[in-house]
Amino acid sequence: MPGAIVENLSGRKLFVLVATLLVLQVACFLLGGLIAPSPSNANSLLATKCHDKGNNTDAWFYVRGKGRCTPVSLEHYESDSHLRHANEIVFAFQLPNPRNKVILDYSRWQQHLIGVLQFDIAYHPNTEMAPRTIITLDAKLGYRNKGDADGDWKYFTSSVVQRILDCSVENTRERYYYNCSFIPLFELGSLFHDYYLLNIRLPVDHDKGM
């Protein structure tokens, strides 16, 4: 004949059980709020301008580590004889950015990495921009992991895309900057690697003289 054993909790035991569960719940909330990383975070990176003398699209131009590129200045681009075409300039972004001189890396737990661009364009009376401009971006994304050499970047993906850039300027004086909209560039749905490198070129359009 089947039977059942029923144990009644005393008031004291029940109080201890409920109090323990409440303490564990509060500890979990504190752990998630104080120690766990925020669900989303934004980092601003300034592109490093590298000079590609041979227009070698297979090469990687990176910012930190042995073999990094030598930055060039575009302050005097018109008078700089060794910069003949816009596609000789490679805009390099090495992700993630160091913080307090500490080299960071991405976690496999991160779900998304979204990249947007903001252009800093100086006003020049001889080359005024239209309020809305279509720009072409030749972008290449690479990756490497911990333990790899500084220059051991591997191909991830690449694309030549067009984006609409809306810009306005309040002060039409030389060296003042346009106010330009943000441009969405890419989104990674998962991060399987520790470091990423983004190289962007502005292709030359011979038909438009750009």
C-alpha atoms as a PDB file:
ATOM      1  CA  MET A   1       0.000   0.000   0.000  1.00  0.00           C
ATOM      2  CA  PRO A   2       1.602   3.307  -1.093  1.00  0.00           C
ATOM      3  CA  GLY A   3       2.293   5.869   1.560  1.00  0.00           C
ATOM      4  CA  ALA A   4       3.537   9.444   1.878  1.00  0.00           C
ATOM      5  CA  ILE A   5       5.759  11.149   4.376  1.00  0.00           C
ATOM      6  CA  VAL A   6       4.728  14.703   5.170  1.00  0.00           C
ATOM      7  CA  GLU A   7       7.049  16.927   7.152  1.00  0.00           C
ATOM      8  CA  ASN A   8       5.719  20.143   8.520  1.00  0.00           C
ATOM      9  CA  LEU A   9       8.138  23.046   8.746  1.00  0.00           C
ATOM     10  CA  SER A  10       8.128  24.851  12.007  1.00  0.00           C
ATOM     11  CA  GLY A  11       7.765  28.606  12.021  1.00  0.00           C
ATOM     12  CA  ARG A  12      11.431  29.073  12.845  1.00  0.00           C
ATOM     13  CA  LYS A  13      12.646  26.856   9.994  1.00  0.00           C
ATOM     14  CA  LEU A  14      10.335  28.597   7.537  1.00  0.00           C
ATOM     15  CA  PHE A  15      11.631  32.000   8.624  1.00  0.00           C
ATOM     16  CA  VAL A  16      15.253  30.891   8.156  1.00  0.00           C
ATOM     17  CA  LEU A  17      14.482  29.515   4.671  1.00  0.00           C
ATOM     18  CA  VAL A  18      12.694  32.675   3.496  1.00  0.00           C
ATOM     19  CA  ALA A  19      15.404  34.935   4.969  1.00  0.00           C
ATOM     20  CA  THR A  20      18.125  32.931   3.191  1.00  0.00           C
ATOM     21  CA  LEU A  21      16.325  33.222  -0.152  1.00  0.00           C
ATOM     22  CA  LEU A  22      15.901  36.975   0.301  1.00  0.00           C
ATOM     23  CA  VAL A  23      19.597  37.422   1.125  1.00  0.00           C
ATOM     24  CA  LEU A  24      20.595  35.432  -1.964  1.00  0.00           C
ATOM     25  CA  GLN A  25      18.248  37.490  -4.137  1.00  0.00           C
ATOM     26  CA  VAL A  26      19.679  40.781  -2.835  1.00  0.00           C
ATOM     27  CA  ALA A  27      23.220  39.467  -3.387  1.00  0.00           C
ATOM     28  CA  CYS A  28      22.378  38.592  -7.001  1.00  0.00           C
ATOM     29  CA  PHE A  29      20.991  42.093  -7.617  1.00  0.00           C
ATOM     30  CA  LEU A  30      24.124  43.676  -6.145  1.00  0.00           C
ATOM     31  CA  LEU A  31      26.357  41.389  -8.182  1.00  0.00           C
ATOM     32  CA  GLY A  32      24.572  42.311 -11.398  1.00  0.00           C
ATOM     33  CA  GLY A  33      24.474  46.028 -10.664  1.00  0.00           C
ATOM     34  CA  LEU A  34      27.942  46.616  -9.244  1.00  0.00           C
ATOM     35  CA  ILE A  35      30.223  44.000 -10.772  1.00  0.00           C
ATOM     36  CA  ALA A  36      28.700  42.835 -14.035  1.00  0.00           C
ATOM     37  CA  PRO A  37      29.419  44.947 -17.137  1.00  0.00           C
ATOM     38  CA  SER A  38      26.790  47.275 -18.491  1.00  0.00           C
ATOM     39  CA  PRO A  39      24.548  45.770 -21.192  1.00  0.00           C
ATOM     40  CA  SER A  40      25.712  48.378 -23.709  1.00  0.00           C
ATOM     41  CA  ASN A  41      28.661  50.720 -23.945  1.00  0.00           C
ATOM     42  CA  ALA A  42      29.928  53.278 -26.458  1.00  0.00           C
ATOM     43  CA  ASN A  43      33.573  53.984 -27.258  1.00  0.00           C
ATOM     44  CA  SER A  44      34.859  56.787 -29.475  1.00  0.00           C
ATOM     45  CA  LEU A  45      37.907  56.069 -31.620  1.00  0.00           C
ATOM     46  CA  LEU A  46      39.809  58.580 -33.712  1.00  0.00           C
ATOM     47  CA  ALA A  47      41.026  57.148 -36.999  1.00  0.00           C
ATOM     48  CA  THR A  48      44.760  56.955 -37.602  1.00  0.00           C
ATOM     49  CA  LYS A  49      45.649  58.109 -41.118  1.00  0.00           C
ATOM     50  CA  CYS A  50      48.212  55.790 -42.713  1.00  0.00           C
ATOM     51  CA  HIS A  51      49.974  56.249 -46.057  1.00  0.00           C
ATOM     52  CA  ASP A  52      49.837  53.348 -48.512  1.00  0.00           C
ATOM     53  CA  LYS A  53      52.478  54.205 -51.121  1.00  0.00           C
ATOM     54  CA  GLY A  54      51.785  51.252 -53.404  1.00  0.00           C
ATOM     55  CA  ASN A  55      47.996  51.146 -52.999  1.00  0.00           C
ATOM     56  CA  ASN A  56      48.334  47.602 -51.647  1.00  0.00           C
ATOM     57  CA  THR A  57      44.802  46.616 -50.712  1.00  0.00           C
ATOM     58  CA  ASP A  58      45.989  43.249 -49.329  1.00  0.00           C
ATOM     59  CA  ALA A  59      48.144  44.864 -46.633  1.00  0.00           C
ATOM     60  CA  TRP A  60      46.931  45.607 -43.118  1.00  0.00           C
ATOM     61  CA  PHE A  61      47.485  49.009 -41.541  1.00  0.00           C
ATOM     62  CA  TYR A  62      47.279  48.929 -37.770  1.00  0.00           C
ATOM     63  CA  VAL A  63      47.830  51.433 -34.991  1.00  0.00           C
ATOM     64  CA  ARG A  64      49.553  49.616 -32.113  1.00  0.00           C
ATOM     65  CA  GLY A  65      52.315  47.055 -31.864  1.00  0.00           C
ATOM     66  CA  LYS A  66      55.424  46.159 -33.814  1.00  0.00           C
ATOM     67  CA  GLY A  67      55.183  47.099 -37.490  1.00  0.00           C
ATOM     68  CA  ARG A  68      52.447  49.680 -36.987  1.00  0.00           C
ATOM     69  CA  CYS A  69      51.947  52.317 -39.636  1.00  0.00           C
ATOM     70  CA  THR A  70      53.446  55.791 -39.441  1.00  0.00           C
ATOM     71  CA  PRO A  71      50.644  58.355 -39.106  1.00  0.00           C
ATOM     72  CA  VAL A  72      50.452  61.131 -41.688  1.00  0.00           C
ATOM     73  CA  SER A  73      48.954  64.586 -41.328  1.00  0.00           C
ATOM     74  CA  LEU A  74      46.378  65.972 -43.742  1.00  0.00           C
ATOM     75  CA  GLU A  75      46.747  69.574 -42.599  1.00  0.00           C
ATOM     76  CA  HIS A  76      48.738  70.418 -45.717  1.00  0.00           C
ATOM     77  CA  TYR A  77      47.391  67.798 -48.094  1.00  0.00           C
ATOM     78  CA  GLU A  78      47.450  70.048 -51.184  1.00  0.00           C
ATOM     79  CA  SER A  79      51.153  70.852 -50.810  1.00  0.00           C
ATOM     80  CA  ASP A  80      52.174  67.329 -49.809  1.00  0.00           C
ATOM     81  CA  SER A  81      53.694  65.876 -52.966  1.00  0.00           C
ATOM     82  CA  HIS A  82      53.864  62.232 -51.788  1.00  0.00           C
ATOM     83  CA  LEU A  83      50.075  62.060 -51.317  1.00  0.00           C
ATOM     84  CA  ARG A  84      48.774  62.069 -54.871  1.00  0.00           C
ATOM     85  CA  HIS A  85      45.432  60.306 -54.551  1.00  0.00           C
ATOM     86  CA  ALA A  86      42.844  59.918 -51.834  1.00  0.00           C
ATOM     87  CA  ASN A  87      42.998  56.118 -51.967  1.00  0.00           C
ATOM     88  CA  GLU A  88      46.625  56.260 -50.780  1.00  0.00           C
ATOM     89  CA  ILE A  89      45.270  57.214 -47.351  1.00  0.00           C
ATOM     90  CA  VAL A  90      44.048  54.357 -45.160  1.00  0.00           C
ATOM     91  CA  PHE A  91      41.948  55.202 -42.114  1.00  0.00           C
ATOM     92  CA  ALA A  92      42.794  52.596 -39.473  1.00  0.00           C
ATOM     93  CA  PHE A  93      40.692  51.688 -36.432  1.00  0.00           C
ATOM     94  CA  GLN A  94      42.088  49.109 -34.002  1.00  0.00           C
ATOM     95  CA  LEU A  95      39.457  47.713 -31.635  1.00  0.00           C
ATOM     96  CA  PRO A  96      39.008  47.812 -28.722  1.00  0.00           C
ATOM     97  CA  ASN A  97      40.714  51.001 -27.604  1.00  0.00           C
ATOM     98  CA  PRO A  98      43.118  50.775 -24.615  1.00  0.00           C
ATOM     99  CA  ARG A  99      41.885  52.211 -21.336  1.00  0.00           C
ATOM    100  CA  ASN A 100      44.266  53.649 -18.724  1.00  0.00           C
ATOM    101  CA  LYS A 101      47.204  52.135 -20.665  1.00  0.00           C
ATOM    102  CA  VAL A 102      45.648  48.667 -20.363  1.00  0.00           C
ATOM    103  CA  ILE A 103      45.145  46.611 -23.541  1.00  0.00           C
ATOM    104  CA  LEU A 104      41.560  45.386 -23.563  1.00  0.00           C
ATOM    105  CA  ASP A 105      39.987  42.543 -25.525  1.00  0.00           C
ATOM    106  CA  TYR A 106      36.479  41.565 -26.475  1.00  0.00           C
ATOM    107  CA  SER A 107      34.587  38.864 -24.616  1.00  0.00           C
ATOM    108  CA  ARG A 108      32.834  35.934 -26.287  1.00  0.00           C
ATOM    109  CA  TRP A 109      29.808  36.858 -24.166  1.00  0.00           C
ATOM    110  CA  GLN A 110      29.315  40.117 -26.062  1.00  0.00           C
ATOM    111  CA  GLN A 111      26.474  39.809 -28.518  1.00  0.00           C
ATOM    112  CA  HIS A 112      26.803  42.827 -30.804  1.00  0.00           C
ATOM    113  CA  LEU A 113      29.422  45.229 -32.116  1.00  0.00           C
ATOM    114  CA  ILE A 114      28.028  48.178 -34.062  1.00  0.00           C
ATOM    115  CA  GLY A 115      30.247  50.620 -35.938  1.00  0.00           C
ATOM    116  CA  VAL A 116      29.200  54.113 -37.003  1.00  0.00           C
ATOM    117  CA  LEU A 117      31.302  56.856 -38.576  1.00  0.00           C
ATOM    118  CA  GLN A 118      31.407  60.587 -38.021  1.00  0.00           C
ATOM    119  CA  PHE A 119      33.391  62.691 -40.474  1.00  0.00           C
ATOM    120  CA  ASP A 120      35.379  65.785 -39.489  1.00  0.00           C
ATOM    121  CA  ILE A 121      35.460  67.845 -42.690  1.00  0.00           C
ATOM    122  CA  ALA A 122      36.988  71.300 -42.721  1.00  0.00           C
ATOM    123  CA  TYR A 123      35.339  74.014 -44.780  1.00  0.00           C
ATOM    124  CA  HIS A 124      37.235  75.277 -47.819  1.00  0.00           C
ATOM    125  CA  PRO A 125      35.804  78.007 -50.074  1.00  0.00           C
ATOM    126  CA  ASN A 126      37.153  76.352 -53.244  1.00  0.00           C
ATOM    127  CA  THR A 127      35.621  72.943 -52.496  1.00  0.00           C
ATOM    128  CA  GLU A 128      32.262  73.506 -50.842  1.00  0.00           C
ATOM    129  CA  MET A 129      30.226  70.416 -50.022  1.00  0.00           C
ATOM    130  CA  ALA A 130      26.636  69.878 -51.020  1.00  0.00           C
ATOM    131  CA  PRO A 131      24.167  69.504 -48.134  1.00  0.00           C
ATOM    132  CA  ARG A 132      23.691  65.845 -49.114  1.00  0.00           C
ATOM    133  CA  THR A 133      26.542  63.830 -50.597  1.00  0.00           C
ATOM    134  CA  ILE A 134      26.890  60.178 -51.572  1.00  0.00           C
ATOM    135  CA  ILE A 135      30.256  58.830 -50.482  1.00  0.00           C
ATOM    136  CA  THR A 136      31.889  55.506 -51.331  1.00  0.00           C
ATOM    137  CA  LEU A 137      33.740  53.556 -48.648  1.00  0.00           C
ATOM    138  CA  ASP A 138      36.087  50.646 -49.313  1.00  0.00           C
ATOM    139  CA  ALA A 139      36.096  48.895 -45.925  1.00  0.00           C
ATOM    140  CA  LYS A 140      38.019  45.802 -44.837  1.00  0.00           C
ATOM    141  CA  LEU A 141      37.694  44.117 -41.434  1.00  0.00           C
ATOM    142  CA  GLY A 142      40.294  41.809 -39.916  1.00  0.00           C
ATOM    143  CA  TYR A 143      40.879  40.058 -36.603  1.00  0.00           C
ATOM    144  CA  ARG A 144      43.511  38.424 -34.414  1.00  0.00           C
ATOM    145  CA  ASN A 145      43.529  36.712 -31.020  1.00  0.00           C
ATOM    146  CA  LYS A 146      45.659  36.644 -27.897  1.00  0.00           C
ATOM    147  CA  GLY A 147      49.022  35.051 -28.571  1.00  0.00           C
ATOM    148  CA  ASP A 148      49.129  36.177 -32.220  1.00  0.00           C
ATOM    149  CA  ALA A 149      51.876  38.491 -33.433  1.00  0.00           C
ATOM    150  CA  ASP A 150      51.111  42.206 -33.612  1.00  0.00           C
ATOM    151  CA  GLY A 151      50.922  42.111 -37.400  1.00  0.00           C
ATOM    152  CA  ASP A 152      49.198  38.732 -37.747  1.00  0.00           C
ATOM    153  CA  TRP A 153      45.831  40.118 -38.835  1.00  0.00           C
ATOM    154  CA  LYS A 154      43.502  37.734 -40.641  1.00  0.00           C
ATOM    155  CA  TYR A 155      40.815  38.589 -43.150  1.00  0.00           C
ATOM    156  CA  PHE A 156      37.240  38.642 -41.836  1.00  0.00           C
ATOM    157  CA  THR A 157      35.155  40.508 -44.421  1.00  0.00           C
ATOM    158  CA  SER A 158      35.260  43.434 -46.832  1.00  0.00           C
ATOM    159  CA  SER A 159      32.829  45.505 -48.843  1.00  0.00           C
ATOM    160  CA  VAL A 160      32.567  48.598 -51.002  1.00  0.00           C
ATOM    161  CA  VAL A 161      29.488  50.495 -49.861  1.00  0.00           C
ATOM    162  CA  GLN A 162      27.834  53.819 -50.512  1.00  0.00           C
ATOM    163  CA  ARG A 163      26.394  55.975 -47.769  1.00  0.00           C
ATOM    164  CA  ILE A 164      24.525  59.283 -47.698  1.00  0.00           C
ATOM    165  CA  LEU A 165      26.308  62.043 -45.787  1.00  0.00           C
ATOM    166  CA  ASP A 166      24.268  65.056 -44.654  1.00  0.00           C
ATOM    167  CA  CYS A 167      26.392  68.072 -43.702  1.00  0.00           C
ATOM    168  CA  SER A 168      25.817  71.716 -42.877  1.00  0.00           C
ATOM    169  CA  VAL A 169      28.118  74.557 -41.910  1.00  0.00           C
ATOM    170  CA  GLU A 170      27.282  77.585 -39.787  1.00  0.00           C
ATOM    171  CA  ASN A 171      30.446  79.617 -40.262  1.00  0.00           C
ATOM    172  CA  THR A 172      31.707  79.696 -43.866  1.00  0.00           C
ATOM    173  CA  ARG A 173      35.273  80.452 -42.954  1.00  0.00           C
ATOM    174  CA  GLU A 174      38.310  78.352 -43.715  1.00  0.00           C
ATOM    175  CA  ARG A 175      39.279  75.726 -41.102  1.00  0.00           C
ATOM    176  CA  TYR A 176      35.786  75.684 -39.603  1.00  0.00           C
ATOM    177  CA  TYR A 177      34.191  72.253 -39.634  1.00  0.00           C
ATOM    178  CA  TYR A 178      30.951  70.969 -41.111  1.00  0.00           C
ATOM    179  CA  ASN A 179      28.298  69.459 -38.875  1.00  0.00           C
ATOM    180  CA  CYS A 180      27.829  66.027 -40.414  1.00  0.00           C
ATOM    181  CA  SER A 181      25.436  63.218 -39.580  1.00  0.00           C
ATOM    182  CA  PHE A 182      26.519  59.820 -38.320  1.00  0.00           C
ATOM    183  CA  ILE A 183      26.892  57.056 -40.893  1.00  0.00           C
ATOM    184  CA  PRO A 184      26.068  53.419 -40.025  1.00  0.00           C
ATOM    185  CA  LEU A 185      28.851  51.154 -41.254  1.00  0.00           C
ATOM    186  CA  PHE A 186      28.658  47.594 -39.881  1.00  0.00           C
ATOM    187  CA  GLU A 187      27.187  45.318 -37.224  1.00  0.00           C
ATOM    188  CA  LEU A 188      28.620  42.058 -35.919  1.00  0.00           C
ATOM    189  CA  GLY A 189      26.091  39.721 -34.368  1.00  0.00           C
ATOM    190  CA  SER A 190      28.687  37.804 -32.348  1.00  0.00           C
ATOM    191  CA  LEU A 191      32.317  38.338 -31.341  1.00  0.00           C
ATOM    192  CA  PHE A 192      34.454  35.223 -31.721  1.00  0.00           C
ATOM    193  CA  HIS A 193      37.829  36.998 -31.610  1.00  0.00           C
ATOM    194  CA  ASP A 194      39.756  39.186 -29.178  1.00  0.00           C
ATOM    195  CA  TYR A 195      40.797  42.078 -31.428  1.00  0.00           C
ATOM    196  CA  TYR A 196      39.462  43.629 -34.622  1.00  0.00           C
ATOM    197  CA  LEU A 197      41.018  45.961 -37.206  1.00  0.00           C
ATOM    198  CA  LEU A 198      39.087  48.160 -39.615  1.00  0.00           C
ATOM    199  CA  ASN A 199      40.767  49.716 -42.673  1.00  0.00           C
ATOM    200  CA  ILE A 200      38.788  52.247 -44.710  1.00  0.00           C
ATOM    201  CA  ARG A 201      39.740  53.834 -48.016  1.00  0.00           C
ATOM    202  CA  LEU A 202      37.996  56.476 -50.095  1.00  0.00           C
ATOM    203  CA  PRO A 203      38.193  55.169 -53.679  1.00  0.00           C
ATOM    204  CA  VAL A 204      39.141  57.561 -56.463  1.00  0.00           C
ATOM    205  CA  ASP A 205      36.334  58.322 -58.917  1.00  0.00           C
ATOM    206  CA  HIS A 206      38.026  59.352 -62.162  1.00  0.00           C
ATOM    207  CA  ASP A 207      34.701  60.113 -63.883  1.00  0.00           C
ATOM    208  CA  LYS A 208      33.750  62.675 -61.232  1.00  0.00           C
ATOM    209  CA  GLY A 209      37.308  63.862 -60.678  1.00  0.00           C
ATOM    210  CA  MET A 210      37.202  62.809 -57.029  1.00  0.00           C
END
